[in-house]
Amino acid sequence: MLPHPKGGWQVRRHAAAKAIRRVASYQEALEIAARMAANEQLSLLARYRPAGEPSA
């Protein structure tokens, strides 16, 4: 997940040139990315952390 240059958030696979989906909210992008990771049985989900968000 990364901020989209035109606003909102984009969800894309690692090193992909194009986003899979663009959404308005960070939370929605996080949910989509988590579902993608679960469907593909990935053990690692890398995400962008906006400034001010506490680390896990």
PDB file of N, CA and C in Angstrom:
ATOM      1  N   MET A   1       0.840  -1.164   0.000  1.00  0.00           N
ATOM      2  CA  MET A   1       0.000   0.000   0.000  1.00  0.00           C
ATOM      3  C   MET A   1       0.889   1.231   0.000  1.00  0.00           C
ATOM      4  N   LEU A   2       0.484   2.141  -0.852  1.00  0.00           N
ATOM      5  CA  LEU A   2       1.214   3.394  -0.952  1.00  0.00           C
ATOM      6  C   LEU A   2       0.221   4.518  -1.194  1.00  0.00           C
ATOM      7  N   PRO A   3       0.583   5.725  -0.793  1.00  0.00           N
ATOM      8  CA  PRO A   3      -0.278   6.848  -1.144  1.00  0.00           C
ATOM      9  C   PRO A   3      -0.303   6.989  -2.671  1.00  0.00           C
ATOM     10  N   HIS A   4      -1.446   7.297  -3.221  1.00  0.00           N
ATOM     11  CA  HIS A   4      -1.555   7.506  -4.673  1.00  0.00           C
ATOM     12  C   HIS A   4      -1.241   8.965  -4.976  1.00  0.00           C
ATOM     13  N   PRO A   5      -0.498   9.242  -6.034  1.00  0.00           N
ATOM     14  CA  PRO A   5      -0.127  10.626  -6.355  1.00  0.00           C
ATOM     15  C   PRO A   5      -1.325  11.569  -6.558  1.00  0.00           C
ATOM     16  N   LYS A   6      -2.457  11.017  -6.956  1.00  0.00           N
ATOM     17  CA  LYS A   6      -3.644  11.846  -7.194  1.00  0.00           C
ATOM     18  C   LYS A   6      -4.623  11.790  -6.029  1.00  0.00           C
ATOM     19  N   GLY A   7      -4.184  11.259  -4.906  1.00  0.00           N
ATOM     20  CA  GLY A   7      -5.030  11.180  -3.715  1.00  0.00           C
ATOM     21  C   GLY A   7      -5.496   9.764  -3.454  1.00  0.00           C
ATOM     22  N   GLY A   8      -5.769   9.483  -2.211  1.00  0.00           N
ATOM     23  CA  GLY A   8      -6.193   8.147  -1.825  1.00  0.00           C
ATOM     24  C   GLY A   8      -5.003   7.212  -1.660  1.00  0.00           C
ATOM     25  N   TRP A   9      -5.298   5.928  -1.719  1.00  0.00           N
ATOM     26  CA  TRP A   9      -4.285   4.896  -1.496  1.00  0.00           C
ATOM     27  C   TRP A   9      -4.342   3.882  -2.617  1.00  0.00           C
ATOM     28  N   GLN A  10      -3.187   3.308  -2.932  1.00  0.00           N
ATOM     29  CA  GLN A  10      -3.127   2.265  -3.947  1.00  0.00           C
ATOM     30  C   GLN A  10      -2.595   0.982  -3.332  1.00  0.00           C
ATOM     31  N   VAL A  11      -3.176  -0.123  -3.767  1.00  0.00           N
ATOM     32  CA  VAL A  11      -2.738  -1.447  -3.333  1.00  0.00           C
ATOM     33  C   VAL A  11      -2.081  -2.089  -4.539  1.00  0.00           C
ATOM     34  N   ARG A  12      -0.851  -2.557  -4.359  1.00  0.00           N
ATOM     35  CA  ARG A  12      -0.159  -3.225  -5.458  1.00  0.00           C
ATOM     36  C   ARG A  12       0.783  -4.289  -4.928  1.00  0.00           C
ATOM     37  N   ARG A  13       1.108  -5.218  -5.801  1.00  0.00           N
ATOM     38  CA  ARG A  13       2.050  -6.272  -5.448  1.00  0.00           C
ATOM     39  C   ARG A  13       3.456  -5.689  -5.416  1.00  0.00           C
ATOM     40  N   HIS A  14       4.343  -6.373  -4.744  1.00  0.00           N
ATOM     41  CA  HIS A  14       5.731  -5.948  -4.625  1.00  0.00           C
ATOM     42  C   HIS A  14       6.353  -5.755  -6.011  1.00  0.00           C
ATOM     43  N   ALA A  15       6.966  -4.632  -6.215  1.00  0.00           N
ATOM     44  CA  ALA A  15       7.687  -4.280  -7.438  1.00  0.00           C
ATOM     45  C   ALA A  15       6.788  -4.174  -8.671  1.00  0.00           C
ATOM     46  N   ALA A  16       5.483  -4.115  -8.479  1.00  0.00           N
ATOM     47  CA  ALA A  16       4.573  -3.967  -9.621  1.00  0.00           C
ATOM     48  C   ALA A  16       4.538  -2.510 -10.068  1.00  0.00           C
ATOM     49  N   ALA A  17       4.425  -2.313 -11.358  1.00  0.00           N
ATOM     50  CA  ALA A  17       4.367  -0.959 -11.894  1.00  0.00           C
ATOM     51  C   ALA A  17       2.969  -0.357 -11.734  1.00  0.00           C
ATOM     52  N   LYS A  18       1.947  -1.202 -11.797  1.00  0.00           N
ATOM     53  CA  LYS A  18       0.569  -0.719 -11.726  1.00  0.00           C
ATOM     54  C   LYS A  18      -0.102  -1.179 -10.433  1.00  0.00           C
ATOM     55  N   ALA A  19      -0.981  -0.342  -9.948  1.00  0.00           N
ATOM     56  CA  ALA A  19      -1.756  -0.680  -8.755  1.00  0.00           C
ATOM     57  C   ALA A  19      -2.862  -1.672  -9.121  1.00  0.00           C
ATOM     58  N   ILE A  20      -3.176  -2.548  -8.190  1.00  0.00           N
ATOM     59  CA  ILE A  20      -4.285  -3.473  -8.364  1.00  0.00           C
ATOM     60  C   ILE A  20      -5.598  -2.744  -8.119  1.00  0.00           C
ATOM     61  N   ARG A  21      -5.561  -1.853  -7.139  1.00  0.00           N
ATOM     62  CA  ARG A  21      -6.769  -1.116  -6.793  1.00  0.00           C
ATOM     63  C   ARG A  21      -6.405   0.194  -6.120  1.00  0.00           C
ATOM     64  N   ARG A  22      -7.223   1.207  -6.346  1.00  0.00           N
ATOM     65  CA  ARG A  22      -7.070   2.511  -5.707  1.00  0.00           C
ATOM     66  C   ARG A  22      -8.326   2.787  -4.893  1.00  0.00           C
ATOM     67  N   VAL A  23      -8.137   3.172  -3.626  1.00  0.00           N
ATOM     68  CA  VAL A  23      -9.265   3.436  -2.726  1.00  0.00           C
ATOM     69  C   VAL A  23      -9.034   4.760  -2.002  1.00  0.00           C
ATOM     70  N   ALA A  24     -10.091   5.262  -1.378  1.00  0.00           N
ATOM     71  CA  ALA A  24     -10.015   6.557  -0.715  1.00  0.00           C
ATOM     72  C   ALA A  24      -9.356   6.490   0.660  1.00  0.00           C
ATOM     73  N   SER A  25      -9.609   5.426   1.409  1.00  0.00           N
ATOM     74  CA  SER A  25      -9.139   5.405   2.794  1.00  0.00           C
ATOM     75  C   SER A  25      -7.991   4.427   3.015  1.00  0.00           C
ATOM     76  N   TYR A  26      -7.140   4.777   3.943  1.00  0.00           N
ATOM     77  CA  TYR A  26      -6.019   3.922   4.347  1.00  0.00           C
ATOM     78  C   TYR A  26      -6.526   2.594   4.894  1.00  0.00           C
ATOM     79  N   GLN A  27      -7.568   2.649   5.715  1.00  0.00           N
ATOM     80  CA  GLN A  27      -8.116   1.441   6.335  1.00  0.00           C
ATOM     81  C   GLN A  27      -8.627   0.463   5.275  1.00  0.00           C
ATOM     82  N   GLU A  28      -9.310   0.967   4.271  1.00  0.00           N
ATOM     83  CA  GLU A  28      -9.816   0.106   3.201  1.00  0.00           C
ATOM     84  C   GLU A  28      -8.665  -0.540   2.433  1.00  0.00           C
ATOM     85  N   ALA A  29      -7.614   0.215   2.153  1.00  0.00           N
ATOM     86  CA  ALA A  29      -6.443  -0.327   1.460  1.00  0.00           C
ATOM     87  C   ALA A  29      -5.776  -1.415   2.301  1.00  0.00           C
ATOM     88  N   LEU A  30      -5.693  -1.199   3.595  1.00  0.00           N
ATOM     89  CA  LEU A  30      -5.101  -2.192   4.494  1.00  0.00           C
ATOM     90  C   LEU A  30      -5.914  -3.489   4.490  1.00  0.00           C
ATOM     91  N   GLU A  31      -7.227  -3.382   4.506  1.00  0.00           N
ATOM     92  CA  GLU A  31      -8.088  -4.568   4.488  1.00  0.00           C
ATOM     93  C   GLU A  31      -7.932  -5.341   3.179  1.00  0.00           C
ATOM     94  N   ILE A  32      -7.856  -4.633   2.061  1.00  0.00           N
ATOM     95  CA  ILE A  32      -7.678  -5.285   0.765  1.00  0.00           C
ATOM     96  C   ILE A  32      -6.335  -5.996   0.709  1.00  0.00           C
ATOM     97  N   ALA A  33      -5.285  -5.337   1.155  1.00  0.00           N
ATOM     98  CA  ALA A  33      -3.949  -5.931   1.151  1.00  0.00           C
ATOM     99  C   ALA A  33      -3.892  -7.160   2.056  1.00  0.00           C
ATOM    100  N   ALA A  34      -4.548  -7.115   3.197  1.00  0.00           N
ATOM    101  CA  ALA A  34      -4.564  -8.261   4.112  1.00  0.00           C
ATOM    102  C   ALA A  34      -5.300  -9.441   3.483  1.00  0.00           C
ATOM    103  N   ARG A  35      -6.421  -9.176   2.796  1.00  0.00           N
ATOM    104  CA  ARG A  35      -7.158 -10.245   2.118  1.00  0.00           C
ATOM    105  C   ARG A  35      -6.321 -10.860   1.003  1.00  0.00           C
ATOM    106  N   MET A  36      -5.614 -10.016   0.251  1.00  0.00           N
ATOM    107  CA  MET A  36      -4.742 -10.519  -0.811  1.00  0.00           C
ATOM    108  C   MET A  36      -3.662 -11.427  -0.232  1.00  0.00           C
ATOM    109  N   ALA A  37      -3.063 -10.997   0.857  1.00  0.00           N
ATOM    110  CA  ALA A  37      -2.009 -11.796   1.491  1.00  0.00           C
ATOM    111  C   ALA A  37      -2.560 -13.134   1.975  1.00  0.00           C
ATOM    112  N   ALA A  38      -3.748 -13.126   2.562  1.00  0.00           N
ATOM    113  CA  ALA A  38      -4.355 -14.365   3.054  1.00  0.00           C
ATOM    114  C   ALA A  38      -4.695 -15.297   1.893  1.00  0.00           C
ATOM    115  N   ASN A  39      -5.238 -14.742   0.812  1.00  0.00           N
ATOM    116  CA  ASN A  39      -5.610 -15.561  -0.346  1.00  0.00           C
ATOM    117  C   ASN A  39      -4.399 -16.191  -1.012  1.00  0.00           C
ATOM    118  N   GLU A  40      -3.282 -15.501  -0.982  1.00  0.00           N
ATOM    119  CA  GLU A  40      -2.065 -16.004  -1.611  1.00  0.00           C
ATOM    120  C   GLU A  40      -1.159 -16.724  -0.611  1.00  0.00           C
ATOM    121  N   GLN A  41      -1.657 -16.904   0.593  1.00  0.00           N
ATOM    122  CA  GLN A  41      -0.945 -17.588   1.675  1.00  0.00           C
ATOM    123  C   GLN A  41       0.443 -17.001   1.915  1.00  0.00           C
ATOM    124  N   LEU A  42       0.503 -15.684   1.971  1.00  0.00           N
ATOM    125  CA  LEU A  42       1.758 -14.995   2.257  1.00  0.00           C
ATOM    126  C   LEU A  42       1.933 -14.863   3.761  1.00  0.00           C
ATOM    127  N   SER A  43       3.148 -14.926   4.207  1.00  0.00           N
ATOM    128  CA  SER A  43       3.406 -14.792   5.637  1.00  0.00           C
ATOM    129  C   SER A  43       3.874 -13.392   6.012  1.00  0.00           C
ATOM    130  N   LEU A  44       4.099 -12.542   5.022  1.00  0.00           N
ATOM    131  CA  LEU A  44       4.600 -11.203   5.283  1.00  0.00           C
ATOM    132  C   LEU A  44       3.776 -10.192   4.507  1.00  0.00           C
ATOM    133  N   LEU A  45       3.334  -9.180   5.190  1.00  0.00           N
ATOM    134  CA  LEU A  45       2.593  -8.097   4.560  1.00  0.00           C
ATOM    135  C   LEU A  45       3.340  -6.808   4.848  1.00  0.00           C
ATOM    136  N   ALA A  46       3.914  -6.210   3.822  1.00  0.00           N
ATOM    137  CA  ALA A  46       4.628  -4.943   3.977  1.00  0.00           C
ATOM    138  C   ALA A  46       3.664  -3.818   3.673  1.00  0.00           C
ATOM    139  N   ARG A  47       3.680  -2.787   4.480  1.00  0.00           N
ATOM    140  CA  ARG A  47       2.774  -1.680   4.245  1.00  0.00           C
ATOM    141  C   ARG A  47       3.432  -0.361   4.582  1.00  0.00           C
ATOM    142  N   TYR A  48       2.921   0.649   3.976  1.00  0.00           N
ATOM    143  CA  TYR A  48       3.372   2.012   4.216  1.00  0.00           C
ATOM    144  C   TYR A  48       2.750   2.496   5.521  1.00  0.00           C
ATOM    145  N   ARG A  49       3.520   3.126   6.378  1.00  0.00           N
ATOM    146  CA  ARG A  49       2.993   3.636   7.639  1.00  0.00           C
ATOM    147  C   ARG A  49       3.013   5.155   7.591  1.00  0.00           C
ATOM    148  N   PRO A  50       1.839   5.777   7.583  1.00  0.00           N
ATOM    149  CA  PRO A  50       1.789   7.244   7.553  1.00  0.00           C
ATOM    150  C   PRO A  50       2.460   7.849   8.786  1.00  0.00           C
ATOM    151  N   ALA A  51       2.980   9.043   8.645  1.00  0.00           N
ATOM    152  CA  ALA A  51       3.615   9.735   9.761  1.00  0.00           C
ATOM    153  C   ALA A  51       2.629   9.849  10.912  1.00  0.00           C
ATOM    154  N   GLY A  52       3.085   9.547  12.090  1.00  0.00           N
ATOM    155  CA  GLY A  52       2.253   9.663  13.283  1.00  0.00           C
ATOM    156  C   GLY A  52       1.542   8.390  13.670  1.00  0.00           C
ATOM    157  N   GLU A  53       1.507   7.387  12.797  1.00  0.00           N
ATOM    158  CA  GLU A  53       0.866   6.128  13.160  1.00  0.00           C
ATOM    159  C   GLU A  53       1.790   5.331  14.067  1.00  0.00           C
ATOM    160  N   PRO A  54       1.288   4.837  15.176  1.00  0.00           N
ATOM    161  CA  PRO A  54       2.154   4.074  16.089  1.00  0.00           C
ATOM    162  C   PRO A  54       2.588   2.764  15.445  1.00  0.00           C
ATOM    163  N   SER A  55       3.794   2.337  15.760  1.00  0.00           N
ATOM    164  CA  SER A  55       4.274   1.050  15.237  1.00  0.00           C
ATOM    165  C   SER A  55       3.665  -0.078  16.045  1.00  0.00           C
ATOM    166  N   ALA A  56       3.554  -1.233  15.417  1.00  0.00           N
ATOM    167  CA  ALA A  56       2.924  -2.390  16.063  1.00  0.00           C
ATOM    168  C   ALA A  56       3.851  -3.058  17.045  1.00  0.00           C
TER     169      ALA A  56
END
